[in-house]
């Protein structure tokens, strides 16, 4: 390259630098993009989530049928002799019978929610509140909790959107 004019050498180095930067950006994007995962528990319960979500079953699972979640997850709970307990920072969910639900519960945020695709879920605040109580949710319903304003509210959820989101997450795990 030393026999080339200076401007051609600079142009060639610029092309190489741009190529290296582009490759680095792609590698960084792949590294930072959460990957789909599945946790299959011994009782048949499945938890679909992304790698930036923390899902931890109780150490004595399934004797202690309990899962902790920090992030966004879709749970297909099997029928069991005992209810499935799902804990997050703000929510305590008791899942009875075969059920499917999405839990959006990031510990760094002041609000969390659970949306039920099918089945039955009892939802209550996981923190001390003068306004304690529980809501029973069935397919097509959701609960939202906000600790800052000490609110728990039961509403109708968009079932088509929930089905689409969960199907895409499940398919992304099964493709891998």
Protein backbone atom coordinates (compact mmCIF):
# COMPACT_ATOMS: atom_id res chain seq x y z
CA UNK A 1 0.00 0.00 0.00
CA UNK A 2 3.00 2.27 0.38
CA UNK A 3 3.12 2.86 -3.40
CA UNK A 4 -0.44 4.24 -3.42
CA UNK A 5 -1.18 7.95 -3.19
CA UNK A 6 -1.98 9.21 0.30
CA UNK A 7 -5.63 9.85 -0.51
CA UNK A 8 -6.12 6.22 -1.67
CA UNK A 9 -4.46 4.88 1.47
CA UNK A 10 -6.72 7.06 3.64
CA UNK A 11 -9.80 5.95 1.69
CA UNK A 12 -8.83 2.27 2.10
CA UNK A 13 -8.25 2.74 5.84
CA UNK A 14 -11.61 4.52 6.13
CA UNK A 15 -13.38 1.60 4.44
CA UNK A 16 -11.65 -0.86 6.78
CA UNK A 17 -12.51 1.29 9.84
CA UNK A 18 -16.18 1.47 8.82
CA UNK A 19 -16.26 -2.31 8.30
CA UNK A 20 -14.71 -2.97 11.71
CA UNK A 21 -17.15 -0.54 13.38
CA UNK A 22 -20.13 -2.19 11.66
CA UNK A 23 -18.98 -5.66 12.69
CA UNK A 24 -18.54 -4.43 16.27
CA UNK A 25 -22.02 -2.91 16.29
CA UNK A 26 -23.56 -6.17 15.05
CA UNK A 27 -21.64 -8.17 17.66
CA UNK A 28 -22.71 -5.76 20.42
CA UNK A 29 -26.36 -5.94 19.29
CA UNK A 30 -26.27 -9.75 19.34
CA UNK A 31 -24.60 -9.69 22.78
CA UNK A 32 -27.13 -7.22 24.24
CA UNK A 33 -30.27 -8.73 22.68
CA UNK A 34 -31.98 -10.96 25.24
CA UNK A 35 -32.32 -14.56 24.14
CA UNK A 36 -35.50 -16.61 24.64
CA UNK A 37 -35.39 -19.31 27.30
CA UNK A 38 -37.65 -21.93 28.82
CA UNK A 39 -37.69 -23.46 32.26
CA UNK A 40 -39.49 -26.81 32.41
CA UNK A 41 -40.30 -27.79 35.97
CA UNK A 42 -40.79 -31.34 37.22
CA UNK A 43 -44.55 -30.89 37.68
CA UNK A 44 -45.04 -29.97 34.00
CA UNK A 45 -45.16 -26.20 34.54
CA UNK A 46 -43.31 -24.24 31.84
CA UNK A 47 -41.94 -20.71 32.14
CA UNK A 48 -40.99 -18.88 28.93
CA UNK A 49 -38.84 -15.77 29.36
CA UNK A 50 -35.95 -13.75 27.97
CA UNK A 51 -32.42 -13.87 29.33
CA UNK A 52 -32.81 -10.44 30.97
CA UNK A 53 -35.51 -11.91 33.27
CA UNK A 54 -34.74 -13.77 36.49
CA UNK A 55 -36.89 -16.84 37.20
CA UNK A 56 -36.17 -18.85 40.34
CA UNK A 57 -38.18 -21.84 41.52
CA UNK A 58 -38.12 -22.57 45.27
CA UNK A 59 -35.28 -24.84 46.34
CA UNK A 60 -37.76 -27.52 47.42
CA UNK A 61 -39.85 -27.32 44.22
CA UNK A 62 -42.34 -29.01 43.66
CA UNK A 63 -42.87 -29.76 47.37
CA UNK A 64 -42.92 -25.99 47.79
CA UNK A 65 -44.60 -25.05 44.52
CA UNK A 66 -43.30 -21.49 44.29
CA UNK A 67 -41.54 -19.34 41.67
CA UNK A 68 -39.98 -15.86 41.98
CA UNK A 69 -39.87 -13.58 38.93
CA UNK A 70 -38.05 -10.34 38.19
CA UNK A 71 -38.82 -9.36 34.61
CA UNK A 72 -41.31 -10.49 31.98
CA UNK A 73 -42.41 -14.13 31.74
CA UNK A 74 -45.18 -16.34 30.37
CA UNK A 75 -46.19 -19.22 32.60
CA UNK A 76 -48.11 -22.32 31.55
CA UNK A 77 -48.95 -23.86 34.91
CA UNK A 78 -49.93 -27.49 35.14
CA UNK A 79 -52.64 -28.74 37.47
CA UNK A 80 -51.16 -29.70 40.80
CA UNK A 81 -52.26 -30.98 44.19
CA UNK A 82 -51.25 -27.57 45.56
CA UNK A 83 -51.57 -24.14 43.94
CA UNK A 84 -48.58 -22.58 42.19
CA UNK A 85 -47.36 -19.46 44.00
CA UNK A 86 -45.72 -16.78 41.84
CA UNK A 87 -43.89 -14.04 43.72
CA UNK A 88 -42.47 -10.76 42.53
CA UNK A 89 -41.50 -7.65 44.43
CA UNK A 90 -45.08 -6.28 44.40
CA UNK A 91 -47.35 -9.22 43.53
CA UNK A 92 -48.28 -12.49 45.15
CA UNK A 93 -50.15 -14.71 42.68
CA UNK A 94 -51.85 -17.97 43.58
CA UNK A 95 -52.50 -20.07 40.47
CA UNK A 96 -55.05 -22.87 40.82
CA UNK A 97 -55.46 -25.54 38.18
CA UNK A 98 -54.10 -25.46 34.65
CA UNK A 99 -53.53 -21.80 33.76
CA UNK A 100 -51.55 -19.54 31.46
CA UNK A 101 -50.52 -16.04 32.41
CA UNK A 102 -48.04 -13.29 31.65
CA UNK A 103 -46.26 -11.65 34.56
CA UNK A 104 -44.56 -8.31 33.96
CA UNK A 105 -42.72 -7.52 37.16
CA UNK A 106 -39.43 -5.63 37.02
CA UNK A 107 -38.11 -4.95 40.53
CA UNK A 108 -36.71 -1.57 39.40
CA UNK A 109 -40.19 -0.30 38.46
CA UNK A 110 -43.00 0.92 40.72
CA UNK A 111 -45.71 -1.00 38.87
CA UNK A 112 -46.30 -4.64 37.94
CA UNK A 113 -49.05 -6.60 36.22
CA UNK A 114 -50.35 -10.08 35.56
CA UNK A 115 -52.55 -11.00 32.59
CA UNK A 116 -54.46 -14.29 32.51
CA UNK A 117 -54.87 -16.10 29.20
CA UNK A 118 -56.82 -18.98 30.76
CA UNK A 119 -57.31 -20.54 34.18
CA UNK A 120 -57.75 -18.90 37.57
CA UNK A 121 -55.36 -16.71 39.53
CA UNK A 122 -55.76 -14.94 42.85
CA UNK A 123 -53.73 -11.72 42.98
CA UNK A 124 -52.77 -9.61 45.96
CA UNK A 125 -50.11 -7.13 46.97
CA UNK A 126 -46.86 -8.65 48.20
CA UNK A 127 -46.11 -5.63 50.36
CA UNK A 128 -47.77 -4.23 53.50
CA UNK A 129 -50.65 -1.96 52.63
CA UNK A 130 -53.59 -0.49 54.51
CA UNK A 131 -55.62 -1.34 51.39
CA UNK A 132 -55.06 -5.07 51.34
CA UNK A 133 -57.34 -7.47 49.53
CA UNK A 134 -57.24 -9.86 46.65
CA UNK A 135 -58.70 -10.12 43.16
CA UNK A 136 -59.67 -13.39 41.49
CA UNK A 137 -58.72 -13.33 37.81
CA UNK A 138 -59.88 -15.61 35.00
CA UNK A 139 -59.04 -15.68 31.30
CA UNK A 140 -59.22 -12.22 29.76
CA UNK A 141 -58.53 -10.34 32.99
CA UNK A 142 -55.47 -8.61 34.40
CA UNK A 143 -54.36 -6.98 37.60
CA UNK A 144 -52.08 -3.96 37.90
CA UNK A 145 -50.29 -2.95 41.09
CA UNK A 146 -48.47 0.32 41.72
CA UNK A 147 -46.62 0.69 45.01
CA UNK A 148 -46.03 4.45 44.70
CA UNK A 149 -49.75 5.21 44.85
CA UNK A 150 -50.67 1.97 46.67
CA UNK A 151 -53.07 0.85 43.96
CA UNK A 152 -54.30 -2.57 42.89
CA UNK A 153 -56.73 -2.60 39.99
CA UNK A 154 -58.44 -5.45 38.13
CA UNK A 155 -59.31 -4.87 34.47
CA UNK A 156 -60.08 -6.60 31.19
CA UNK A 157 -56.99 -7.47 29.14
CA UNK A 158 -56.56 -7.57 25.38
CA UNK A 159 -56.71 -11.36 24.82
CA UNK A 160 -55.74 -11.19 21.13
CA UNK A 161 -52.62 -9.21 21.98
CA UNK A 162 -51.75 -11.55 24.87
CA UNK A 163 -52.21 -14.63 22.66
CA UNK A 164 -50.03 -13.10 19.94
CA UNK A 165 -47.26 -12.09 22.38
CA UNK A 166 -47.21 -15.47 24.14
CA UNK A 167 -47.32 -17.44 20.88
CA UNK A 168 -44.35 -15.46 19.53
CA UNK A 169 -42.32 -16.02 22.73
CA UNK A 170 -43.13 -19.75 22.86
CA UNK A 171 -42.28 -20.16 19.15
CA UNK A 172 -38.96 -18.32 19.57
CA UNK A 173 -37.95 -20.74 22.34
CA UNK A 174 -39.09 -23.83 20.44
CA UNK A 175 -37.23 -22.77 17.26
CA UNK A 176 -33.89 -22.60 19.07
